[in-house]
All heavy atoms as atom14 arrays in JSON, in Angstrom:
{
  "sequence": "GGKPTERSPILGWLGDAFRGGADFLSRPLAMTLLSAIALPALLLLVL",
  "atom14_mask": [
    [1, 1, 1, 1, 0, 0, 0, 0, 0, 0, 0, 0, 0, 0],
    [1, 1, 1, 1, 0, 0, 0, 0, 0, 0, 0, 0, 0, 0],
    [1, 1, 1, 1, 1, 1, 1, 1, 1, 0, 0, 0, 0, 0],
    [1, 1, 1, 1, 1, 1, 1, 0, 0, 0, 0, 0, 0, 0],
    [1, 1, 1, 1, 1, 1, 1, 0, 0, 0, 0, 0, 0, 0],
    [1, 1, 1, 1, 1, 1, 1, 1, 1, 0, 0, 0, 0, 0],
    [1, 1, 1, 1, 1, 1, 1, 1, 1, 1, 1, 0, 0, 0],
    [1, 1, 1, 1, 1, 1, 0, 0, 0, 0, 0, 0, 0, 0],
    [1, 1, 1, 1, 1, 1, 1, 0, 0, 0, 0, 0, 0, 0],
    [1, 1, 1, 1, 1, 1, 1, 1, 0, 0, 0, 0, 0, 0],
    [1, 1, 1, 1, 1, 1, 1, 1, 0, 0, 0, 0, 0, 0],
    [1, 1, 1, 1, 0, 0, 0, 0, 0, 0, 0, 0, 0, 0],
    [1, 1, 1, 1, 1, 1, 1, 1, 1, 1, 1, 1, 1, 1],
    [1, 1, 1, 1, 1, 1, 1, 1, 0, 0, 0, 0, 0, 0],
    [1, 1, 1, 1, 0, 0, 0, 0, 0, 0, 0, 0, 0, 0],
    [1, 1, 1, 1, 1, 1, 1, 1, 0, 0, 0, 0, 0, 0],
    [1, 1, 1, 1, 1, 0, 0, 0, 0, 0, 0, 0, 0, 0],
    [1, 1, 1, 1, 1, 1, 1, 1, 1, 1, 1, 0, 0, 0],
    [1, 1, 1, 1, 1, 1, 1, 1, 1, 1, 1, 0, 0, 0],
    [1, 1, 1, 1, 0, 0, 0, 0, 0, 0, 0, 0, 0, 0],
    [1, 1, 1, 1, 0, 0, 0, 0, 0, 0, 0, 0, 0, 0],
    [1, 1, 1, 1, 1, 0, 0, 0, 0, 0, 0, 0, 0, 0],
    [1, 1, 1, 1, 1, 1, 1, 1, 0, 0, 0, 0, 0, 0],
    [1, 1, 1, 1, 1, 1, 1, 1, 1, 1, 1, 0, 0, 0],
    [1, 1, 1, 1, 1, 1, 1, 1, 0, 0, 0, 0, 0, 0],
    [1, 1, 1, 1, 1, 1, 0, 0, 0, 0, 0, 0, 0, 0],
    [1, 1, 1, 1, 1, 1, 1, 1, 1, 1, 1, 0, 0, 0],
    [1, 1, 1, 1, 1, 1, 1, 0, 0, 0, 0, 0, 0, 0],
    [1, 1, 1, 1, 1, 1, 1, 1, 0, 0, 0, 0, 0, 0],
    [1, 1, 1, 1, 1, 0, 0, 0, 0, 0, 0, 0, 0, 0],
    [1, 1, 1, 1, 1, 1, 1, 1, 0, 0, 0, 0, 0, 0],
    [1, 1, 1, 1, 1, 1, 1, 0, 0, 0, 0, 0, 0, 0],
    [1, 1, 1, 1, 1, 1, 1, 1, 0, 0, 0, 0, 0, 0],
    [1, 1, 1, 1, 1, 1, 1, 1, 0, 0, 0, 0, 0, 0],
    [1, 1, 1, 1, 1, 1, 0, 0, 0, 0, 0, 0, 0, 0],
    [1, 1, 1, 1, 1, 0, 0, 0, 0, 0, 0, 0, 0, 0],
    [1, 1, 1, 1, 1, 1, 1, 1, 0, 0, 0, 0, 0, 0],
    [1, 1, 1, 1, 1, 0, 0, 0, 0, 0, 0, 0, 0, 0],
    [1, 1, 1, 1, 1, 1, 1, 1, 0, 0, 0, 0, 0, 0],
    [1, 1, 1, 1, 1, 1, 1, 0, 0, 0, 0, 0, 0, 0],
    [1, 1, 1, 1, 1, 0, 0, 0, 0, 0, 0, 0, 0, 0],
    [1, 1, 1, 1, 1, 1, 1, 1, 0, 0, 0, 0, 0, 0],
    [1, 1, 1, 1, 1, 1, 1, 1, 0, 0, 0, 0, 0, 0],
    [1, 1, 1, 1, 1, 1, 1, 1, 0, 0, 0, 0, 0, 0],
    [1, 1, 1, 1, 1, 1, 1, 1, 0, 0, 0, 0, 0, 0],
    [1, 1, 1, 1, 1, 1, 1, 0, 0, 0, 0, 0, 0, 0],
    [1, 1, 1, 1, 1, 1, 1, 1, 0, 0, 0, 0, 0, 0]
  ],
  "atom14_positions": [
    [[28.83, 16.77, 6.9], [30.01, 17.58, 6.64], [29.68, 18.94, 6.09], [30.44, 19.51, 5.31], [0.0, 0.0, 0.0], [0.0, 0.0, 0.0], [0.0, 0.0, 0.0], [0.0, 0.0, 0.0], [0.0, 0.0, 0.0], [0.0, 0.0, 0.0], [0.0, 0.0, 0.0], [0.0, 0.0, 0.0], [0.0, 0.0, 0.0], [0.0, 0.0, 0.0]],
    [[28.5, 19.46, 6.45], [28.12, 20.79, 6.02], [27.44, 20.81, 4.68], [27.01, 21.85, 4.21], [0.0, 0.0, 0.0], [0.0, 0.0, 0.0], [0.0, 0.0, 0.0], [0.0, 0.0, 0.0], [0.0, 0.0, 0.0], [0.0, 0.0, 0.0], [0.0, 0.0, 0.0], [0.0, 0.0, 0.0], [0.0, 0.0, 0.0], [0.0, 0.0, 0.0]],
    [[27.32, 19.64, 3.99], [26.69, 19.6, 2.67], [25.48, 18.68, 2.73], [25.53, 17.61, 3.32], [27.67, 19.08, 1.61], [28.84, 20.0, 1.4], [29.74, 19.46, 0.32], [30.95, 20.38, 0.07], [31.81, 19.86, -0.98], [0.0, 0.0, 0.0], [0.0, 0.0, 0.0], [0.0, 0.0, 0.0], [0.0, 0.0, 0.0], [0.0, 0.0, 0.0]],
    [[24.36, 19.07, 2.13], [23.18, 18.2, 2.13], [23.44, 16.94, 1.32], [24.11, 16.98, 0.29], [22.1, 19.07, 1.48], [22.85, 20.06, 0.65], [24.13, 20.34, 1.39], [0.0, 0.0, 0.0], [0.0, 0.0, 0.0], [0.0, 0.0, 0.0], [0.0, 0.0, 0.0], [0.0, 0.0, 0.0], [0.0, 0.0, 0.0], [0.0, 0.0, 0.0]],
    [[22.93, 15.83, 1.81], [23.07, 14.53, 1.14], [21.85, 14.28, 0.28], [20.73, 14.48, 0.71], [23.21, 13.41, 2.17], [24.32, 13.71, 3.02], [23.43, 12.06, 1.49], [0.0, 0.0, 0.0], [0.0, 0.0, 0.0], [0.0, 0.0, 0.0], [0.0, 0.0, 0.0], [0.0, 0.0, 0.0], [0.0, 0.0, 0.0], [0.0, 0.0, 0.0]],
    [[22.09, 13.81, -0.94], [20.98, 13.53, -1.83], [20.17, 12.35, -1.3], [20.72, 11.42, -0.71], [21.5, 13.21, -3.24], [22.14, 14.41, -3.92], [22.53, 14.08, -5.34], [22.29, 12.92, -5.74], [23.06, 14.95, -6.03], [0.0, 0.0, 0.0], [0.0, 0.0, 0.0], [0.0, 0.0, 0.0], [0.0, 0.0, 0.0], [0.0, 0.0, 0.0]],
    [[18.87, 12.4, -1.53], [17.97, 11.33, -1.09], [18.24, 10.06, -1.88], [18.4, 10.09, -3.09], [16.53, 11.78, -1.29], [15.49, 10.8, -0.77], [14.11, 11.32, -1.09], [13.08, 10.4, -0.63], [11.8, 10.55, -0.92], [11.41, 11.56, -1.67], [10.92, 9.67, -0.47], [0.0, 0.0, 0.0], [0.0, 0.0, 0.0], [0.0, 0.0, 0.0]],
    [[18.29, 8.92, -1.18], [18.51, 7.65, -1.84], [17.36, 7.35, -2.8], [16.2, 7.39, -2.4], [18.61, 6.53, -0.8], [18.57, 5.27, -1.44], [0.0, 0.0, 0.0], [0.0, 0.0, 0.0], [0.0, 0.0, 0.0], [0.0, 0.0, 0.0], [0.0, 0.0, 0.0], [0.0, 0.0, 0.0], [0.0, 0.0, 0.0], [0.0, 0.0, 0.0]],
    [[17.65, 7.02, -4.07], [16.55, 6.73, -5.01], [15.77, 5.49, -4.62], [14.56, 5.42, -4.83], [17.29, 6.53, -6.35], [18.69, 6.19, -5.98], [18.98, 6.93, -4.7], [0.0, 0.0, 0.0], [0.0, 0.0, 0.0], [0.0, 0.0, 0.0], [0.0, 0.0, 0.0], [0.0, 0.0, 0.0], [0.0, 0.0, 0.0], [0.0, 0.0, 0.0]],
    [[16.45, 4.5, -4.03], [15.74, 3.28, -3.63], [14.81, 3.56, -2.47], [13.63, 3.18, -2.48], [16.75, 2.18, -3.26], [17.58, 1.8, -4.48], [16.03, 0.95, -2.7], [18.62, 0.74, -4.21], [0.0, 0.0, 0.0], [0.0, 0.0, 0.0], [0.0, 0.0, 0.0], [0.0, 0.0, 0.0], [0.0, 0.0, 0.0], [0.0, 0.0, 0.0]],
    [[15.34, 4.26, -1.44], [14.49, 4.6, -0.3], [13.35, 5.51, -0.71], [12.23, 5.4, -0.21], [15.32, 5.26, 0.8], [16.28, 4.33, 1.56], [17.07, 5.14, 2.58], [15.51, 3.22, 2.26], [0.0, 0.0, 0.0], [0.0, 0.0, 0.0], [0.0, 0.0, 0.0], [0.0, 0.0, 0.0], [0.0, 0.0, 0.0], [0.0, 0.0, 0.0]],
    [[13.64, 6.41, -1.65], [12.58, 7.29, -2.11], [11.48, 6.54, -2.83], [10.29, 6.79, -2.61], [0.0, 0.0, 0.0], [0.0, 0.0, 0.0], [0.0, 0.0, 0.0], [0.0, 0.0, 0.0], [0.0, 0.0, 0.0], [0.0, 0.0, 0.0], [0.0, 0.0, 0.0], [0.0, 0.0, 0.0], [0.0, 0.0, 0.0], [0.0, 0.0, 0.0]],
    [[11.87, 5.57, -3.66], [10.87, 4.77, -4.37], [10.05, 3.94, -3.4], [8.83, 3.85, -3.52], [11.58, 3.85, -5.37], [10.62, 3.0, -6.16], [9.95, 3.33, -7.27], [10.23, 1.65, -5.83], [9.15, 2.29, -7.7], [9.3, 1.25, -6.83], [10.57, 0.77, -4.81], [8.73, 0.0, -6.82], [9.99, -0.48, -4.81], [9.09, -0.86, -5.79]],
    [[10.72, 3.32, -2.4], [9.99, 2.55, -1.41], [9.06, 3.43, -0.59], [7.93, 3.04, -0.28], [10.98, 1.83, -0.47], [11.75, 0.66, -1.07], [12.77, 0.14, -0.06], [10.8, -0.46, -1.48], [0.0, 0.0, 0.0], [0.0, 0.0, 0.0], [0.0, 0.0, 0.0], [0.0, 0.0, 0.0], [0.0, 0.0, 0.0], [0.0, 0.0, 0.0]],
    [[9.53, 4.63, -0.27], [8.69, 5.53, 0.5], [7.43, 5.9, -0.26], [6.34, 5.94, 0.3], [0.0, 0.0, 0.0], [0.0, 0.0, 0.0], [0.0, 0.0, 0.0], [0.0, 0.0, 0.0], [0.0, 0.0, 0.0], [0.0, 0.0, 0.0], [0.0, 0.0, 0.0], [0.0, 0.0, 0.0], [0.0, 0.0, 0.0], [0.0, 0.0, 0.0]],
    [[7.6, 6.18, -1.57], [6.42, 6.52, -2.38], [5.45, 5.34, -2.45], [4.22, 5.53, -2.39], [6.86, 6.91, -3.81], [7.65, 8.22, -3.82], [7.5, 8.99, -2.84], [8.42, 8.44, -4.77], [0.0, 0.0, 0.0], [0.0, 0.0, 0.0], [0.0, 0.0, 0.0], [0.0, 0.0, 0.0], [0.0, 0.0, 0.0], [0.0, 0.0, 0.0]],
    [[6.0, 4.13, -2.58], [5.13, 2.94, -2.64], [4.39, 2.75, -1.33], [3.19, 2.46, -1.31], [5.97, 1.7, -2.98], [0.0, 0.0, 0.0], [0.0, 0.0, 0.0], [0.0, 0.0, 0.0], [0.0, 0.0, 0.0], [0.0, 0.0, 0.0], [0.0, 0.0, 0.0], [0.0, 0.0, 0.0], [0.0, 0.0, 0.0], [0.0, 0.0, 0.0]],
    [[5.11, 2.9, -0.21], [4.47, 2.73, 1.09], [3.41, 3.79, 1.33], [2.34, 3.52, 1.86], [5.52, 2.79, 2.21], [6.37, 1.55, 2.29], [7.73, 1.64, 2.5], [5.79, 0.3, 2.17], [8.5, 0.51, 2.58], [6.57, -0.84, 2.25], [7.93, -0.74, 2.45], [0.0, 0.0, 0.0], [0.0, 0.0, 0.0], [0.0, 0.0, 0.0]],
    [[3.71, 5.03, 0.93], [2.74, 6.11, 1.12], [1.48, 5.86, 0.3], [0.36, 6.07, 0.76], [3.36, 7.46, 0.75], [4.23, 8.06, 1.85], [4.54, 9.52, 1.55], [5.33, 9.65, 0.33], [6.66, 9.61, 0.32], [7.32, 9.43, 1.44], [7.32, 9.75, -0.8], [0.0, 0.0, 0.0], [0.0, 0.0, 0.0], [0.0, 0.0, 0.0]],
    [[1.68, 5.37, -0.95], [0.52, 5.08, -1.79], [-0.34, 3.98, -1.2], [-1.57, 4.07, -1.18], [0.0, 0.0, 0.0], [0.0, 0.0, 0.0], [0.0, 0.0, 0.0], [0.0, 0.0, 0.0], [0.0, 0.0, 0.0], [0.0, 0.0, 0.0], [0.0, 0.0, 0.0], [0.0, 0.0, 0.0], [0.0, 0.0, 0.0], [0.0, 0.0, 0.0]],
    [[0.31, 2.91, -0.69], [-0.44, 1.82, -0.08], [-1.16, 2.27, 1.18], [-2.31, 1.9, 1.42], [0.0, 0.0, 0.0], [0.0, 0.0, 0.0], [0.0, 0.0, 0.0], [0.0, 0.0, 0.0], [0.0, 0.0, 0.0], [0.0, 0.0, 0.0], [0.0, 0.0, 0.0], [0.0, 0.0, 0.0], [0.0, 0.0, 0.0], [0.0, 0.0, 0.0]],
    [[-0.48, 3.07, 2.0], [-1.1, 3.53, 3.25], [-2.28, 4.45, 2.96], [-3.32, 4.38, 3.63], [-0.06, 4.26, 4.1], [0.0, 0.0, 0.0], [0.0, 0.0, 0.0], [0.0, 0.0, 0.0], [0.0, 0.0, 0.0], [0.0, 0.0, 0.0], [0.0, 0.0, 0.0], [0.0, 0.0, 0.0], [0.0, 0.0, 0.0], [0.0, 0.0, 0.0]],
    [[-2.13, 5.34, 1.97], [-3.23, 6.24, 1.63], [-4.44, 5.46, 1.12], [-5.59, 5.78, 1.43], [-2.77, 7.24, 0.56], [-1.76, 8.23, 1.11], [-1.7, 8.37, 2.36], [-1.03, 8.85, 0.32], [0.0, 0.0, 0.0], [0.0, 0.0, 0.0], [0.0, 0.0, 0.0], [0.0, 0.0, 0.0], [0.0, 0.0, 0.0], [0.0, 0.0, 0.0]],
    [[-4.18, 4.41, 0.33], [-5.28, 3.61, -0.19], [-6.02, 2.89, 0.94], [-7.25, 2.9, 1.02], [-4.76, 2.59, -1.2], [-5.8, 1.61, -1.68], [-6.78, 1.99, -2.58], [-5.8, 0.31, -1.19], [-7.74, 1.08, -3.0], [-6.76, -0.6, -1.6], [-7.73, -0.21, -2.52], [0.0, 0.0, 0.0], [0.0, 0.0, 0.0], [0.0, 0.0, 0.0]],
    [[-5.26, 2.25, 1.85], [-5.88, 1.49, 2.94], [-6.58, 2.38, 3.94], [-7.43, 1.94, 4.69], [-4.82, 0.63, 3.65], [-4.27, -0.55, 2.84], [-3.15, -1.24, 3.6], [-5.38, -1.56, 2.52], [0.0, 0.0, 0.0], [0.0, 0.0, 0.0], [0.0, 0.0, 0.0], [0.0, 0.0, 0.0], [0.0, 0.0, 0.0], [0.0, 0.0, 0.0]],
    [[-6.18, 3.66, 3.99], [-6.8, 4.56, 4.96], [-8.17, 5.06, 4.49], [-8.92, 5.64, 5.28], [-5.88, 5.77, 5.21], [-5.72, 6.53, 4.01], [0.0, 0.0, 0.0], [0.0, 0.0, 0.0], [0.0, 0.0, 0.0], [0.0, 0.0, 0.0], [0.0, 0.0, 0.0], [0.0, 0.0, 0.0], [0.0, 0.0, 0.0], [0.0, 0.0, 0.0]],
    [[-8.51, 4.83, 3.24], [-9.81, 5.27, 2.73], [-10.9, 4.31, 3.17], [-10.73, 3.09, 3.11], [-9.78, 5.35, 1.2], [-8.74, 6.33, 0.67], [-8.67, 6.28, -0.84], [-7.61, 7.13, -1.35], [-7.27, 7.22, -2.64], [-7.94, 6.5, -3.52], [-6.3, 8.01, -3.02], [0.0, 0.0, 0.0], [0.0, 0.0, 0.0], [0.0, 0.0, 0.0]],
    [[-12.06, 4.8, 3.62], [-13.15, 3.92, 4.06], [-13.61, 2.96, 2.98], [-13.93, 1.81, 3.24], [-14.26, 4.89, 4.46], [-13.55, 6.18, 4.77], [-12.39, 6.23, 3.82], [0.0, 0.0, 0.0], [0.0, 0.0, 0.0], [0.0, 0.0, 0.0], [0.0, 0.0, 0.0], [0.0, 0.0, 0.0], [0.0, 0.0, 0.0], [0.0, 0.0, 0.0]],
    [[-13.62, 3.43, 1.72], [-14.1, 2.58, 0.64], [-13.13, 1.44, 0.35], [-13.53, 0.39, -0.14], [-14.32, 3.42, -0.62], [-14.89, 2.69, -1.85], [-16.25, 2.1, -1.51], [-14.99, 3.65, -3.03], [0.0, 0.0, 0.0], [0.0, 0.0, 0.0], [0.0, 0.0, 0.0], [0.0, 0.0, 0.0], [0.0, 0.0, 0.0], [0.0, 0.0, 0.0]],
    [[-11.84, 1.63, 0.67], [-10.84, 0.62, 0.34], [-11.13, -0.69, 1.06], [-11.06, -1.77, 0.46], [-9.44, 1.12, 0.69], [0.0, 0.0, 0.0], [0.0, 0.0, 0.0], [0.0, 0.0, 0.0], [0.0, 0.0, 0.0], [0.0, 0.0, 0.0], [0.0, 0.0, 0.0], [0.0, 0.0, 0.0], [0.0, 0.0, 0.0], [0.0, 0.0, 0.0]],
    [[-11.44, -0.61, 2.36], [-11.72, -1.83, 3.12], [-12.96, -2.54, 2.57], [-13.01, -3.76, 2.5], [-11.92, -1.49, 4.6], [-11.98, -2.72, 5.49], [-10.45, -3.65, 5.5], [-9.37, -2.48, 6.34], [0.0, 0.0, 0.0], [0.0, 0.0, 0.0], [0.0, 0.0, 0.0], [0.0, 0.0, 0.0], [0.0, 0.0, 0.0], [0.0, 0.0, 0.0]],
    [[-13.96, -1.76, 2.16], [-15.16, -2.36, 1.6], [-14.85, -3.09, 0.3], [-15.31, -4.21, 0.08], [-16.22, -1.27, 1.35], [-16.52, -0.62, 2.59], [-17.5, -1.88, 0.78], [0.0, 0.0, 0.0], [0.0, 0.0, 0.0], [0.0, 0.0, 0.0], [0.0, 0.0, 0.0], [0.0, 0.0, 0.0], [0.0, 0.0, 0.0], [0.0, 0.0, 0.0]],
    [[-14.04, -2.46, -0.56], [-13.69, -3.09, -1.83], [-12.87, -4.35, -1.61], [-13.1, -5.38, -2.26], [-12.92, -2.09, -2.7], [-13.72, -0.9, -3.24], [-12.8, 0.06, -3.98], [-14.83, -1.39, -4.15], [0.0, 0.0, 0.0], [0.0, 0.0, 0.0], [0.0, 0.0, 0.0], [0.0, 0.0, 0.0], [0.0, 0.0, 0.0], [0.0, 0.0, 0.0]],
    [[-11.89, -4.27, -0.69], [-11.07, -5.44, -0.41], [-11.91, -6.58, 0.16], [-11.72, -7.74, -0.18], [-9.94, -5.07, 0.55], [-8.83, -4.2, -0.03], [-7.85, -3.81, 1.07], [-8.09, -4.93, -1.14], [0.0, 0.0, 0.0], [0.0, 0.0, 0.0], [0.0, 0.0, 0.0], [0.0, 0.0, 0.0], [0.0, 0.0, 0.0], [0.0, 0.0, 0.0]],
    [[-12.85, -6.25, 1.03], [-13.72, -7.28, 1.61], [-14.6, -7.9, 0.53], [-14.8, -9.11, 0.49], [-14.59, -6.68, 2.71], [-13.8, -6.18, 3.76], [0.0, 0.0, 0.0], [0.0, 0.0, 0.0], [0.0, 0.0, 0.0], [0.0, 0.0, 0.0], [0.0, 0.0, 0.0], [0.0, 0.0, 0.0], [0.0, 0.0, 0.0], [0.0, 0.0, 0.0]],
    [[-15.13, -7.06, -0.35], [-16.02, -7.56, -1.4], [-15.28, -8.47, -2.38], [-15.86, -9.39, -2.94], [-16.65, -6.38, -2.14], [0.0, 0.0, 0.0], [0.0, 0.0, 0.0], [0.0, 0.0, 0.0], [0.0, 0.0, 0.0], [0.0, 0.0, 0.0], [0.0, 0.0, 0.0], [0.0, 0.0, 0.0], [0.0, 0.0, 0.0], [0.0, 0.0, 0.0]],
    [[-13.99, -8.2, -2.58], [-13.22, -9.0, -3.52], [-12.61, -10.21, -2.84], [-12.67, -11.34, -3.33], [-12.11, -8.15, -4.17], [-12.73, -7.03, -5.01], [-11.2, -9.01, -5.03], [-11.73, -6.04, -5.54], [0.0, 0.0, 0.0], [0.0, 0.0, 0.0], [0.0, 0.0, 0.0], [0.0, 0.0, 0.0], [0.0, 0.0, 0.0], [0.0, 0.0, 0.0]],
    [[-11.98, -9.99, -1.68], [-11.23, -11.06, -1.03], [-12.12, -12.09, -0.38], [-11.79, -13.28, -0.37], [-10.28, -10.46, 0.02], [0.0, 0.0, 0.0], [0.0, 0.0, 0.0], [0.0, 0.0, 0.0], [0.0, 0.0, 0.0], [0.0, 0.0, 0.0], [0.0, 0.0, 0.0], [0.0, 0.0, 0.0], [0.0, 0.0, 0.0], [0.0, 0.0, 0.0]],
    [[-13.27, -11.68, 0.18], [-14.14, -12.64, 0.86], [-14.69, -13.69, -0.11], [-14.6, -14.9, 0.17], [-15.29, -11.91, 1.57], [-16.24, -12.8, 2.38], [-15.48, -13.58, 3.43], [-17.33, -11.95, 3.04], [0.0, 0.0, 0.0], [0.0, 0.0, 0.0], [0.0, 0.0, 0.0], [0.0, 0.0, 0.0], [0.0, 0.0, 0.0], [0.0, 0.0, 0.0]],
    [[-15.25, -13.29, -1.27], [-15.66, -14.34, -2.21], [-14.5, -15.21, -2.67], [-14.67, -16.41, -2.88], [-16.26, -13.54, -3.39], [-16.68, -12.24, -2.78], [-15.64, -11.95, -1.72], [0.0, 0.0, 0.0], [0.0, 0.0, 0.0], [0.0, 0.0, 0.0], [0.0, 0.0, 0.0], [0.0, 0.0, 0.0], [0.0, 0.0, 0.0], [0.0, 0.0, 0.0]],
    [[-13.32, -14.61, -2.84], [-12.14, -15.39, -3.24], [-11.78, -16.42, -2.18], [-11.42, -17.56, -2.49], [-10.95, -14.47, -3.5], [0.0, 0.0, 0.0], [0.0, 0.0, 0.0], [0.0, 0.0, 0.0], [0.0, 0.0, 0.0], [0.0, 0.0, 0.0], [0.0, 0.0, 0.0], [0.0, 0.0, 0.0], [0.0, 0.0, 0.0], [0.0, 0.0, 0.0]],
    [[-11.88, -16.01, -0.9], [-11.59, -16.94, 0.2], [-12.6, -18.07, 0.22], [-12.23, -19.24, 0.4], [-11.6, -16.18, 1.53], [-11.29, -17.0, 2.78], [-9.89, -17.6, 2.7], [-11.4, -16.12, 4.03], [0.0, 0.0, 0.0], [0.0, 0.0, 0.0], [0.0, 0.0, 0.0], [0.0, 0.0, 0.0], [0.0, 0.0, 0.0], [0.0, 0.0, 0.0]],
    [[-13.88, -17.74, 0.04], [-14.91, -18.78, 0.02], [-14.7, -19.74, -1.15], [-14.88, -20.95, -1.02], [-16.29, -18.14, -0.08], [-16.73, -17.3, 1.14], [-18.08, -16.65, 0.86], [-16.8, -18.17, 2.39], [0.0, 0.0, 0.0], [0.0, 0.0, 0.0], [0.0, 0.0, 0.0], [0.0, 0.0, 0.0], [0.0, 0.0, 0.0], [0.0, 0.0, 0.0]],
    [[-14.29, -19.19, -2.31], [-14.03, -20.03, -3.47], [-12.86, -20.95, -3.21], [-12.87, -22.13, -3.61], [-13.76, -19.15, -4.7], [-13.44, -19.89, -6.01], [-14.61, -20.79, -6.41], [-13.12, -18.9, -7.12], [0.0, 0.0, 0.0], [0.0, 0.0, 0.0], [0.0, 0.0, 0.0], [0.0, 0.0, 0.0], [0.0, 0.0, 0.0], [0.0, 0.0, 0.0]],
    [[-11.82, -20.44, -2.51], [-10.65, -21.26, -2.2], [-11.05, -22.42, -1.29], [-10.61, -23.56, -1.49], [-9.58, -20.41, -1.52], [-8.32, -21.14, -1.05], [-7.62, -21.8, -2.24], [-7.38, -20.19, -0.33], [0.0, 0.0, 0.0], [0.0, 0.0, 0.0], [0.0, 0.0, 0.0], [0.0, 0.0, 0.0], [0.0, 0.0, 0.0], [0.0, 0.0, 0.0]],
    [[-11.88, -22.15, -0.28], [-12.35, -23.21, 0.62], [-13.12, -24.27, -0.16], [-12.97, -25.48, 0.05], [-13.21, -22.62, 1.75], [-13.85, -23.73, 2.58], [-12.36, -21.72, 2.65], [0.0, 0.0, 0.0], [0.0, 0.0, 0.0], [0.0, 0.0, 0.0], [0.0, 0.0, 0.0], [0.0, 0.0, 0.0], [0.0, 0.0, 0.0], [0.0, 0.0, 0.0]],
    [[-13.98, -23.82, -1.08], [-14.76, -24.75, -1.9], [-13.86, -25.61, -2.77], [-14.05, -26.83, -2.88], [-15.75, -23.97, -2.77], [-16.6, -24.79, -3.75], [-17.46, -25.78, -2.98], [-17.46, -23.88, -4.6], [0.0, 0.0, 0.0], [0.0, 0.0, 0.0], [0.0, 0.0, 0.0], [0.0, 0.0, 0.0], [0.0, 0.0, 0.0], [0.0, 0.0, 0.0]]
  ]
}
C-alpha cells in the first residue's frame, strides 16, 4: 500500500540462525571438526 512493511522479528531471528549455521558448515575446518567429534561418538554408540 505504498508503505514499507517492517521485517518479521521471528523470520529475522530464524534467518540469522540459518545464516550462522550455513556459514559454519561452509568452512572447510567445520566438516573436519564435526567428523572428529561425531565419528568417535558414533563408534562409542555402536559399542
